Amino acid sequence: MRSDVPGLRLFLYCVLELIKEQKKETCAFVEDNISKGIATVLYNKYTNTFNKCDFDHDKCKSIDEHFKTLIGIGDGKESTYFCEENDGIFLILKLALNEIY
């Protein structure tokens, strides 16, 4: 995983916490919000979860920029990542895992 993205690991821990809390988003939601800043959108929607994980909102900008650079988002090809329509939270993790070198 790229270590030059401040807060990315903690952000992904927060995403895992969303899964633990059985939160659901669609792939369309993720695709629509990648360009708006997915970390910021999720932080604003699930502030309590992110605060519980000690995630600082100031880290959202670098994470948003990182996700905006990922290929294959916003083109309706979530099946490339073996996601079904209601697997948006999983799609975020799979995108991040795809970046591990």
PDB file of N, CA and C in Angstrom:
ATOM      1  N   MET A   1       0.848  -1.164   0.000  1.00  0.00           N
ATOM      2  CA  MET A   1       0.000   0.000   0.000  1.00  0.00           C
ATOM      3  C   MET A   1       0.896   1.230   0.000  1.00  0.00           C
ATOM      4  N   ARG A   2       0.477   2.233  -0.672  1.00  0.00           N
ATOM      5  CA  ARG A   2       1.266   3.454  -0.722  1.00  0.00           C
ATOM      6  C   ARG A   2       1.341   4.065   0.667  1.00  0.00           C
ATOM      7  N   SER A   3       2.541   4.240   1.138  1.00  0.00           N
ATOM      8  CA  SER A   3       2.726   4.787   2.484  1.00  0.00           C
ATOM      9  C   SER A   3       2.773   6.303   2.466  1.00  0.00           C
ATOM     10  N   ASP A   4       2.745   6.907   1.276  1.00  0.00           N
ATOM     11  CA  ASP A   4       2.829   8.352   1.196  1.00  0.00           C
ATOM     12  C   ASP A   4       1.469   9.041   1.263  1.00  0.00           C
ATOM     13  N   VAL A   5       0.416   8.305   1.541  1.00  0.00           N
ATOM     14  CA  VAL A   5      -0.917   8.890   1.679  1.00  0.00           C
ATOM     15  C   VAL A   5      -1.242   8.954   3.173  1.00  0.00           C
ATOM     16  N   PRO A   6      -1.087  10.135   3.756  1.00  0.00           N
ATOM     17  CA  PRO A   6      -1.309  10.268   5.204  1.00  0.00           C
ATOM     18  C   PRO A   6      -2.717   9.834   5.609  1.00  0.00           C
ATOM     19  N   GLY A   7      -2.783   8.962   6.583  1.00  0.00           N
ATOM     20  CA  GLY A   7      -4.058   8.541   7.144  1.00  0.00           C
ATOM     21  C   GLY A   7      -4.787   7.450   6.398  1.00  0.00           C
ATOM     22  N   LEU A   8      -4.215   6.949   5.301  1.00  0.00           N
ATOM     23  CA  LEU A   8      -4.928   5.946   4.497  1.00  0.00           C
ATOM     24  C   LEU A   8      -5.193   4.676   5.294  1.00  0.00           C
ATOM     25  N   ARG A   9      -4.202   4.202   6.014  1.00  0.00           N
ATOM     26  CA  ARG A   9      -4.392   2.965   6.785  1.00  0.00           C
ATOM     27  C   ARG A   9      -5.509   3.136   7.822  1.00  0.00           C
ATOM     28  N   LEU A  10      -5.502   4.257   8.545  1.00  0.00           N
ATOM     29  CA  LEU A  10      -6.545   4.501   9.547  1.00  0.00           C
ATOM     30  C   LEU A  10      -7.908   4.642   8.874  1.00  0.00           C
ATOM     31  N   PHE A  11      -7.952   5.286   7.716  1.00  0.00           N
ATOM     32  CA  PHE A  11      -9.200   5.393   6.963  1.00  0.00           C
ATOM     33  C   PHE A  11      -9.745   4.005   6.647  1.00  0.00           C
ATOM     34  N   LEU A  12      -8.874   3.105   6.219  1.00  0.00           N
ATOM     35  CA  LEU A  12      -9.319   1.749   5.887  1.00  0.00           C
ATOM     36  C   LEU A  12      -9.767   0.986   7.126  1.00  0.00           C
ATOM     37  N   TYR A  13      -9.138   1.250   8.267  1.00  0.00           N
ATOM     38  CA  TYR A  13      -9.627   0.667   9.522  1.00  0.00           C
ATOM     39  C   TYR A  13     -11.046   1.163   9.816  1.00  0.00           C
ATOM     40  N   CYS A  14     -11.294   2.426   9.528  1.00  0.00           N
ATOM     41  CA  CYS A  14     -12.640   2.974   9.724  1.00  0.00           C
ATOM     42  C   CYS A  14     -13.638   2.322   8.772  1.00  0.00           C
ATOM     43  N   VAL A  15     -13.202   2.061   7.545  1.00  0.00           N
ATOM     44  CA  VAL A  15     -14.059   1.374   6.577  1.00  0.00           C
ATOM     45  C   VAL A  15     -14.381  -0.032   7.087  1.00  0.00           C
ATOM     46  N   LEU A  16     -13.398  -0.707   7.655  1.00  0.00           N
ATOM     47  CA  LEU A  16     -13.667  -2.022   8.259  1.00  0.00           C
ATOM     48  C   LEU A  16     -14.667  -1.910   9.407  1.00  0.00           C
ATOM     49  N   GLU A  17     -14.571  -0.860  10.168  1.00  0.00           N
ATOM     50  CA  GLU A  17     -15.523  -0.636  11.262  1.00  0.00           C
ATOM     51  C   GLU A  17     -16.928  -0.429  10.695  1.00  0.00           C
ATOM     52  N   LEU A  18     -17.050   0.249   9.567  1.00  0.00           N
ATOM     53  CA  LEU A  18     -18.367   0.403   8.929  1.00  0.00           C
ATOM     54  C   LEU A  18     -18.946  -0.952   8.557  1.00  0.00           C
ATOM     55  N   ILE A  19     -18.093  -1.842   8.062  1.00  0.00           N
ATOM     56  CA  ILE A  19     -18.543  -3.193   7.729  1.00  0.00           C
ATOM     57  C   ILE A  19     -18.988  -3.914   8.990  1.00  0.00           C
ATOM     58  N   LYS A  20     -18.209  -3.783  10.044  1.00  0.00           N
ATOM     59  CA  LYS A  20     -18.557  -4.412  11.317  1.00  0.00           C
ATOM     60  C   LYS A  20     -19.919  -3.923  11.824  1.00  0.00           C
ATOM     61  N   GLU A  21     -20.179  -2.641  11.599  1.00  0.00           N
ATOM     62  CA  GLU A  21     -21.456  -2.053  12.016  1.00  0.00           C
ATOM     63  C   GLU A  21     -22.577  -2.334  11.017  1.00  0.00           C
ATOM     64  N   GLN A  22     -22.276  -3.123   9.998  1.00  0.00           N
ATOM     65  CA  GLN A  22     -23.228  -3.542   8.968  1.00  0.00           C
ATOM     66  C   GLN A  22     -23.790  -2.369   8.169  1.00  0.00           C
ATOM     67  N   LYS A  23     -22.965  -1.353   7.962  1.00  0.00           N
ATOM     68  CA  LYS A  23     -23.354  -0.233   7.111  1.00  0.00           C
ATOM     69  C   LYS A  23     -23.244  -0.689   5.666  1.00  0.00           C
ATOM     70  N   LYS A  24     -24.110  -0.198   4.833  1.00  0.00           N
ATOM     71  CA  LYS A  24     -24.134  -0.583   3.419  1.00  0.00           C
ATOM     72  C   LYS A  24     -24.172   0.669   2.550  1.00  0.00           C
ATOM     73  N   GLU A  25     -23.461   0.605   1.462  1.00  0.00           N
ATOM     74  CA  GLU A  25     -23.525   1.617   0.410  1.00  0.00           C
ATOM     75  C   GLU A  25     -23.509   0.873  -0.912  1.00  0.00           C
ATOM     76  N   THR A  26     -24.031   1.497  -1.929  1.00  0.00           N
ATOM     77  CA  THR A  26     -24.006   0.878  -3.248  1.00  0.00           C
ATOM     78  C   THR A  26     -22.701   1.228  -3.957  1.00  0.00           C
ATOM     79  N   CYS A  27     -22.370   0.430  -4.941  1.00  0.00           N
ATOM     80  CA  CYS A  27     -21.203   0.749  -5.771  1.00  0.00           C
ATOM     81  C   CYS A  27     -21.436   2.065  -6.500  1.00  0.00           C
ATOM     82  N   ALA A  28     -22.674   2.323  -6.889  1.00  0.00           N
ATOM     83  CA  ALA A  28     -22.995   3.587  -7.561  1.00  0.00           C
ATOM     84  C   ALA A  28     -22.707   4.766  -6.637  1.00  0.00           C
ATOM     85  N   PHE A  29     -23.021   4.626  -5.350  1.00  0.00           N
ATOM     86  CA  PHE A  29     -22.727   5.675  -4.376  1.00  0.00           C
ATOM     87  C   PHE A  29     -21.227   5.959  -4.343  1.00  0.00           C
ATOM     88  N   VAL A  30     -20.431   4.903  -4.283  1.00  0.00           N
ATOM     89  CA  VAL A  30     -18.971   5.071  -4.249  1.00  0.00           C
ATOM     90  C   VAL A  30     -18.490   5.701  -5.549  1.00  0.00           C
ATOM     91  N   GLU A  31     -18.942   5.177  -6.673  1.00  0.00           N
ATOM     92  CA  GLU A  31     -18.521   5.704  -7.965  1.00  0.00           C
ATOM     93  C   GLU A  31     -18.907   7.173  -8.125  1.00  0.00           C
ATOM     94  N   ASP A  32     -20.097   7.526  -7.676  1.00  0.00           N
ATOM     95  CA  ASP A  32     -20.562   8.908  -7.786  1.00  0.00           C
ATOM     96  C   ASP A  32     -19.780   9.856  -6.880  1.00  0.00           C
ATOM     97  N   ASN A  33     -19.257   9.324  -5.786  1.00  0.00           N
ATOM     98  CA  ASN A  33     -18.596  10.184  -4.805  1.00  0.00           C
ATOM     99  C   ASN A  33     -17.073  10.157  -4.850  1.00  0.00           C
ATOM    100  N   ILE A  34     -16.498   9.312  -5.692  1.00  0.00           N
ATOM    101  CA  ILE A  34     -15.034   9.302  -5.826  1.00  0.00           C
ATOM    102  C   ILE A  34     -14.544  10.684  -6.241  1.00  0.00           C
ATOM    103  N   SER A  35     -15.184  11.272  -7.228  1.00  0.00           N
ATOM    104  CA  SER A  35     -14.723  12.574  -7.724  1.00  0.00           C
ATOM    105  C   SER A  35     -15.018  13.705  -6.744  1.00  0.00           C
ATOM    106  N   LYS A  36     -15.986  13.507  -5.863  1.00  0.00           N
ATOM    107  CA  LYS A  36     -16.318  14.520  -4.853  1.00  0.00           C
ATOM    108  C   LYS A  36     -15.420  14.405  -3.633  1.00  0.00           C
ATOM    109  N   GLY A  37     -14.827  13.235  -3.458  1.00  0.00           N
ATOM    110  CA  GLY A  37     -13.984  12.977  -2.295  1.00  0.00           C
ATOM    111  C   GLY A  37     -14.639  11.942  -1.396  1.00  0.00           C
ATOM    112  N   ILE A  38     -14.356  10.686  -1.650  1.00  0.00           N
ATOM    113  CA  ILE A  38     -15.037   9.597  -0.946  1.00  0.00           C
ATOM    114  C   ILE A  38     -14.755   9.592   0.548  1.00  0.00           C
ATOM    115  N   ALA A  39     -13.544   9.943   0.949  1.00  0.00           N
ATOM    116  CA  ALA A  39     -13.237   9.961   2.387  1.00  0.00           C
ATOM    117  C   ALA A  39     -14.067  11.032   3.093  1.00  0.00           C
ATOM    118  N   THR A  40     -14.147  12.195   2.486  1.00  0.00           N
ATOM    119  CA  THR A  40     -14.929  13.285   3.073  1.00  0.00           C
ATOM    120  C   THR A  40     -16.401  12.927   3.140  1.00  0.00           C
ATOM    121  N   VAL A  41     -16.929  12.350   2.064  1.00  0.00           N
ATOM    122  CA  VAL A  41     -18.340  11.975   2.024  1.00  0.00           C
ATOM    123  C   VAL A  41     -18.651  10.939   3.103  1.00  0.00           C
ATOM    124  N   LEU A  42     -17.811   9.903   3.207  1.00  0.00           N
ATOM    125  CA  LEU A  42     -18.042   8.880   4.237  1.00  0.00           C
ATOM    126  C   LEU A  42     -17.864   9.455   5.636  1.00  0.00           C
ATOM    127  N   TYR A  43     -16.854  10.292   5.829  1.00  0.00           N
ATOM    128  CA  TYR A  43     -16.643  10.909   7.141  1.00  0.00           C
ATOM    129  C   TYR A  43     -17.875  11.720   7.546  1.00  0.00           C
ATOM    130  N   ASN A  44     -18.397  12.512   6.625  1.00  0.00           N
ATOM    131  CA  ASN A  44     -19.571  13.329   6.940  1.00  0.00           C
ATOM    132  C   ASN A  44     -20.815  12.487   7.216  1.00  0.00           C
ATOM    133  N   LYS A  45     -20.939  11.373   6.519  1.00  0.00           N
ATOM    134  CA  LYS A  45     -22.115  10.508   6.694  1.00  0.00           C
ATOM    135  C   LYS A  45     -22.021   9.662   7.964  1.00  0.00           C
ATOM    136  N   TYR A  46     -20.809   9.221   8.293  1.00  0.00           N
ATOM    137  CA  TYR A  46     -20.604   8.319   9.430  1.00  0.00           C
ATOM    138  C   TYR A  46     -19.619   8.921  10.440  1.00  0.00           C
ATOM    139  N   THR A  47     -19.829  10.156  10.791  1.00  0.00           N
ATOM    140  CA  THR A  47     -18.914  10.887  11.680  1.00  0.00           C
ATOM    141  C   THR A  47     -18.665  10.136  12.978  1.00  0.00           C
ATOM    142  N   ASN A  48     -19.698   9.588  13.578  1.00  0.00           N
ATOM    143  CA  ASN A  48     -19.527   8.883  14.859  1.00  0.00           C
ATOM    144  C   ASN A  48     -18.567   7.715  14.737  1.00  0.00           C
ATOM    145  N   THR A  49     -18.685   6.946  13.673  1.00  0.00           N
ATOM    146  CA  THR A  49     -17.795   5.804  13.465  1.00  0.00           C
ATOM    147  C   THR A  49     -16.355   6.278  13.276  1.00  0.00           C
ATOM    148  N   PHE A  50     -16.165   7.286  12.454  1.00  0.00           N
ATOM    149  CA  PHE A  50     -14.814   7.785  12.204  1.00  0.00           C
ATOM    150  C   PHE A  50     -14.206   8.398  13.460  1.00  0.00           C
ATOM    151  N   ASN A  51     -15.024   9.086  14.247  1.00  0.00           N
ATOM    152  CA  ASN A  51     -14.522   9.645  15.510  1.00  0.00           C
ATOM    153  C   ASN A  51     -14.164   8.532  16.498  1.00  0.00           C
ATOM    154  N   LYS A  52     -14.954   7.476  16.509  1.00  0.00           N
ATOM    155  CA  LYS A  52     -14.675   6.332  17.386  1.00  0.00           C
ATOM    156  C   LYS A  52     -13.320   5.708  17.050  1.00  0.00           C
ATOM    157  N   CYS A  53     -12.943   5.781  15.779  1.00  0.00           N
ATOM    158  CA  CYS A  53     -11.660   5.231  15.325  1.00  0.00           C
ATOM    159  C   CYS A  53     -10.528   6.252  15.429  1.00  0.00           C
ATOM    160  N   ASP A  54     -10.810   7.412  16.028  1.00  0.00           N
ATOM    161  CA  ASP A  54      -9.820   8.489  16.168  1.00  0.00           C
ATOM    162  C   ASP A  54      -9.305   8.983  14.822  1.00  0.00           C
ATOM    163  N   PHE A  55     -10.166   8.978  13.830  1.00  0.00           N
ATOM    164  CA  PHE A  55      -9.804   9.490  12.515  1.00  0.00           C
ATOM    165  C   PHE A  55     -10.015  10.992  12.492  1.00  0.00           C
ATOM    166  N   ASP A  56      -9.008  11.713  12.088  1.00  0.00           N
ATOM    167  CA  ASP A  56      -9.036  13.167  12.031  1.00  0.00           C
ATOM    168  C   ASP A  56      -9.508  13.618  10.647  1.00  0.00           C
ATOM    169  N   HIS A  57     -10.534  14.434  10.617  1.00  0.00           N
ATOM    170  CA  HIS A  57     -11.107  14.914   9.354  1.00  0.00           C
ATOM    171  C   HIS A  57     -10.054  15.560   8.447  1.00  0.00           C
ATOM    172  N   ASP A  58      -9.017  16.117   9.020  1.00  0.00           N
ATOM    173  CA  ASP A  58      -7.973  16.775   8.226  1.00  0.00           C
ATOM    174  C   ASP A  58      -7.260  15.808   7.277  1.00  0.00           C
ATOM    175  N   LYS A  59      -7.332  14.527   7.527  1.00  0.00           N
ATOM    176  CA  LYS A  59      -6.686  13.530   6.669  1.00  0.00           C
ATOM    177  C   LYS A  59      -7.493  13.228   5.405  1.00  0.00           C
ATOM    178  N   CYS A  60      -8.741  13.675   5.373  1.00  0.00           N
ATOM    179  CA  CYS A  60      -9.615  13.347   4.248  1.00  0.00           C
ATOM    180  C   CYS A  60      -9.069  13.856   2.915  1.00  0.00           C
ATOM    181  N   LYS A  61      -8.497  15.033   2.895  1.00  0.00           N
ATOM    182  CA  LYS A  61      -8.075  15.629   1.622  1.00  0.00           C
ATOM    183  C   LYS A  61      -7.072  14.752   0.875  1.00  0.00           C
ATOM    184  N   SER A  62      -6.041  14.283   1.564  1.00  0.00           N
ATOM    185  CA  SER A  62      -5.039  13.455   0.871  1.00  0.00           C
ATOM    186  C   SER A  62      -5.630  12.114   0.443  1.00  0.00           C
ATOM    187  N   ILE A  63      -6.529  11.567   1.228  1.00  0.00           N
ATOM    188  CA  ILE A  63      -7.170  10.297   0.878  1.00  0.00           C
ATOM    189  C   ILE A  63      -8.115  10.498  -0.307  1.00  0.00           C
ATOM    190  N   ASP A  64      -8.863  11.606  -0.286  1.00  0.00           N
ATOM    191  CA  ASP A  64      -9.738  11.926  -1.416  1.00  0.00           C
ATOM    192  C   ASP A  64      -8.930  12.010  -2.705  1.00  0.00           C
ATOM    193  N   GLU A  65      -7.809  12.704  -2.656  1.00  0.00           N
ATOM    194  CA  GLU A  65      -6.970  12.861  -3.848  1.00  0.00           C
ATOM    195  C   GLU A  65      -6.423  11.512  -4.313  1.00  0.00           C
ATOM    196  N   HIS A  66      -6.048  10.670  -3.377  1.00  0.00           N
ATOM    197  CA  HIS A  66      -5.542   9.339  -3.726  1.00  0.00           C
ATOM    198  C   HIS A  66      -6.611   8.530  -4.462  1.00  0.00           C
ATOM    199  N   PHE A  67      -7.814   8.477  -3.930  1.00  0.00           N
ATOM    200  CA  PHE A  67      -8.866   7.683  -4.559  1.00  0.00           C
ATOM    201  C   PHE A  67      -9.279   8.245  -5.916  1.00  0.00           C
ATOM    202  N   LYS A  68      -9.146   9.551  -6.103  1.00  0.00           N
ATOM    203  CA  LYS A  68      -9.485  10.156  -7.397  1.00  0.00           C
ATOM    204  C   LYS A  68      -8.555   9.677  -8.501  1.00  0.00           C
ATOM    205  N   THR A  69      -7.368   9.216  -8.146  1.00  0.00           N
ATOM    206  CA  THR A  69      -6.403   8.776  -9.151  1.00  0.00           C
ATOM    207  C   THR A  69      -6.570   7.315  -9.548  1.00  0.00           C
ATOM    208  N   LEU A  70      -7.409   6.580  -8.862  1.00  0.00           N
ATOM    209  CA  LEU A  70      -7.555   5.156  -9.144  1.00  0.00           C
ATOM    210  C   LEU A  70      -8.330   4.930 -10.431  1.00  0.00           C
ATOM    211  N   ILE A  71      -7.906   3.955 -11.172  1.00  0.00           N
ATOM    212  CA  ILE A  71      -8.495   3.656 -12.478  1.00  0.00           C
ATOM    213  C   ILE A  71      -9.702   2.733 -12.318  1.00  0.00           C
ATOM    214  N   GLY A  72     -10.706   2.934 -13.158  1.00  0.00           N
ATOM    215  CA  GLY A  72     -11.843   2.018 -13.203  1.00  0.00           C
ATOM    216  C   GLY A  72     -13.005   2.424 -12.333  1.00  0.00           C
ATOM    217  N   ILE A  73     -12.952   3.602 -11.767  1.00  0.00           N
ATOM    218  CA  ILE A  73     -14.061   4.045 -10.920  1.00  0.00           C
ATOM    219  C   ILE A  73     -14.878   5.075 -11.676  1.00  0.00           C
ATOM    220  N   GLY A  74     -16.174   4.959 -11.489  1.00  0.00           N
ATOM    221  CA  GLY A  74     -17.074   5.877 -12.153  1.00  0.00           C
ATOM    222  C   GLY A  74     -17.439   5.436 -13.561  1.00  0.00           C
ATOM    223  N   ASP A  75     -16.977   4.250 -13.945  1.00  0.00           N
ATOM    224  CA  ASP A  75     -17.279   3.768 -15.291  1.00  0.00           C
ATOM    225  C   ASP A  75     -18.269   2.603 -15.269  1.00  0.00           C
ATOM    226  N   GLY A  76     -18.851   2.333 -14.105  1.00  0.00           N
ATOM    227  CA  GLY A  76     -19.847   1.273 -14.000  1.00  0.00           C
ATOM    228  C   GLY A  76     -19.289  -0.130 -14.072  1.00  0.00           C
ATOM    229  N   LYS A  77     -17.986  -0.280 -13.866  1.00  0.00           N
ATOM    230  CA  LYS A  77     -17.362  -1.594 -13.985  1.00  0.00           C
ATOM    231  C   LYS A  77     -17.042  -2.208 -12.620  1.00  0.00           C
ATOM    232  N   GLU A  78     -17.972  -2.051 -11.676  1.00  0.00           N
ATOM    233  CA  GLU A  78     -17.706  -2.617 -10.359  1.00  0.00           C
ATOM    234  C   GLU A  78     -17.548  -4.126 -10.408  1.00  0.00           C
ATOM    235  N   SER A  79     -18.083  -4.775 -11.442  1.00  0.00           N
ATOM    236  CA  SER A  79     -17.920  -6.224 -11.561  1.00  0.00           C
ATOM    237  C   SER A  79     -16.455  -6.595 -11.755  1.00  0.00           C
ATOM    238  N   THR A  80     -15.636  -5.650 -12.226  1.00  0.00           N
ATOM    239  CA  THR A  80     -14.193  -5.878 -12.360  1.00  0.00           C
ATOM    240  C   THR A  80     -13.604  -6.244 -10.999  1.00  0.00           C
ATOM    241  N   TYR A  81     -14.193  -5.709  -9.947  1.00  0.00           N
ATOM    242  CA  TYR A  81     -13.722  -5.961  -8.588  1.00  0.00           C
ATOM    243  C   TYR A  81     -14.590  -6.998  -7.877  1.00  0.00           C
ATOM    244  N   PHE A  82     -15.376  -7.736  -8.658  1.00  0.00           N
ATOM    245  CA  PHE A  82     -16.240  -8.790  -8.132  1.00  0.00           C
ATOM    246  C   PHE A  82     -17.177  -8.259  -7.064  1.00  0.00           C
ATOM    247  N   CYS A  83     -17.746  -7.088  -7.322  1.00  0.00           N
ATOM    248  CA  CYS A  83     -18.693  -6.476  -6.402  1.00  0.00           C
ATOM    249  C   CYS A  83     -20.092  -6.524  -6.988  1.00  0.00           C
ATOM    250  N   GLU A  84     -21.038  -6.716  -6.113  1.00  0.00           N
ATOM    251  CA  GLU A  84     -22.428  -6.578  -6.507  1.00  0.00           C
ATOM    252  C   GLU A  84     -22.849  -5.165  -6.147  1.00  0.00           C
ATOM    253  N   GLU A  85     -24.005  -4.744  -6.606  1.00  0.00           N
ATOM    254  CA  GLU A  85     -24.396  -3.340  -6.474  1.00  0.00           C
ATOM    255  C   GLU A  85     -24.376  -2.820  -5.034  1.00  0.00           C
ATOM    256  N   ASN A  86     -24.703  -3.643  -4.058  1.00  0.00           N
ATOM    257  CA  ASN A  86     -24.733  -3.181  -2.669  1.00  0.00           C
ATOM    258  C   ASN A  86     -23.407  -3.378  -1.935  1.00  0.00           C
ATOM    259  N   ASP A  87     -22.342  -3.598  -2.667  1.00  0.00           N
ATOM    260  CA  ASP A  87     -21.020  -3.834  -2.072  1.00  0.00           C
ATOM    261  C   ASP A  87     -20.114  -2.603  -2.122  1.00  0.00           C
ATOM    262  N   GLY A  88     -20.666  -1.422  -2.020  1.00  0.00           N
ATOM    263  CA  GLY A  88     -19.872  -0.211  -2.133  1.00  0.00           C
ATOM    264  C   GLY A  88     -18.761  -0.092  -1.099  1.00  0.00           C
ATOM    265  N   ILE A  89     -19.040  -0.478   0.132  1.00  0.00           N
ATOM    266  CA  ILE A  89     -18.016  -0.408   1.178  1.00  0.00           C
ATOM    267  C   ILE A  89     -16.882  -1.386   0.848  1.00  0.00           C
ATOM    268  N   PHE A  90     -17.233  -2.564   0.367  1.00  0.00           N
ATOM    269  CA  PHE A  90     -16.210  -3.526  -0.049  1.00  0.00           C
ATOM    270  C   PHE A  90     -15.411  -2.999  -1.237  1.00  0.00           C
ATOM    271  N   LEU A  91     -16.076  -2.289  -2.133  1.00  0.00           N
ATOM    272  CA  LEU A  91     -15.398  -1.722  -3.297  1.00  0.00           C
ATOM    273  C   LEU A  91     -14.277  -0.780  -2.859  1.00  0.00           C
ATOM    274  N   ILE A  92     -14.499  -0.001  -1.834  1.00  0.00           N
ATOM    275  CA  ILE A  92     -13.459   0.900  -1.322  1.00  0.00           C
ATOM    276  C   ILE A  92     -12.245   0.104  -0.874  1.00  0.00           C
ATOM    277  N   LEU A  93     -12.478  -0.968  -0.130  1.00  0.00           N
ATOM    278  CA  LEU A  93     -11.364  -1.815   0.319  1.00  0.00           C
ATOM    279  C   LEU A  93     -10.652  -2.474  -0.855  1.00  0.00           C
ATOM    280  N   LYS A  94     -11.413  -2.961  -1.811  1.00  0.00           N
ATOM    281  CA  LYS A  94     -10.809  -3.641  -2.948  1.00  0.00           C
ATOM    282  C   LYS A  94      -9.973  -2.677  -3.786  1.00  0.00           C
ATOM    283  N   LEU A  95     -10.424  -1.458  -3.918  1.00  0.00           N
ATOM    284  CA  LEU A  95      -9.634  -0.451  -4.633  1.00  0.00           C
ATOM    285  C   LEU A  95      -8.310  -0.210  -3.921  1.00  0.00           C
ATOM    286  N   ALA A  96      -8.375  -0.094  -2.608  1.00  0.00           N
ATOM    287  CA  ALA A  96      -7.147   0.130  -1.829  1.00  0.00           C
ATOM    288  C   ALA A  96      -6.221  -1.075  -1.910  1.00  0.00           C
ATOM    289  N   LEU A  97      -6.772  -2.278  -1.833  1.00  0.00           N
ATOM    290  CA  LEU A  97      -5.960  -3.483  -1.918  1.00  0.00           C
ATOM    291  C   LEU A  97      -5.299  -3.613  -3.290  1.00  0.00           C
ATOM    292  N   ASN A  98      -5.967  -3.133  -4.306  1.00  0.00           N
ATOM    293  CA  ASN A  98      -5.433  -3.172  -5.651  1.00  0.00           C
ATOM    294  C   ASN A  98      -4.170  -2.321  -5.779  1.00  0.00           C
ATOM    295  N   GLU A  99      -3.989  -1.383  -4.865  1.00  0.00           N
ATOM    296  CA  GLU A  99      -2.846  -0.468  -4.902  1.00  0.00           C
ATOM    297  C   GLU A  99      -1.636  -0.978  -4.115  1.00  0.00           C
ATOM    298  N   ILE A 100      -1.765  -2.128  -3.478  1.00  0.00           N
ATOM    299  CA  ILE A 100      -0.630  -2.666  -2.703  1.00  0.00           C
ATOM    300  C   ILE A 100       0.414  -3.168  -3.679  1.00  0.00           C
ATOM    301  N   TYR A 101       1.635  -2.738  -3.474  1.00  0.00           N
ATOM    302  CA  TYR A 101       2.707  -3.218  -4.328  1.00  0.00           C
ATOM    303  C   TYR A 101       3.593  -4.149  -3.554  1.00  0.00           C
TER     304      TYR A 101
END
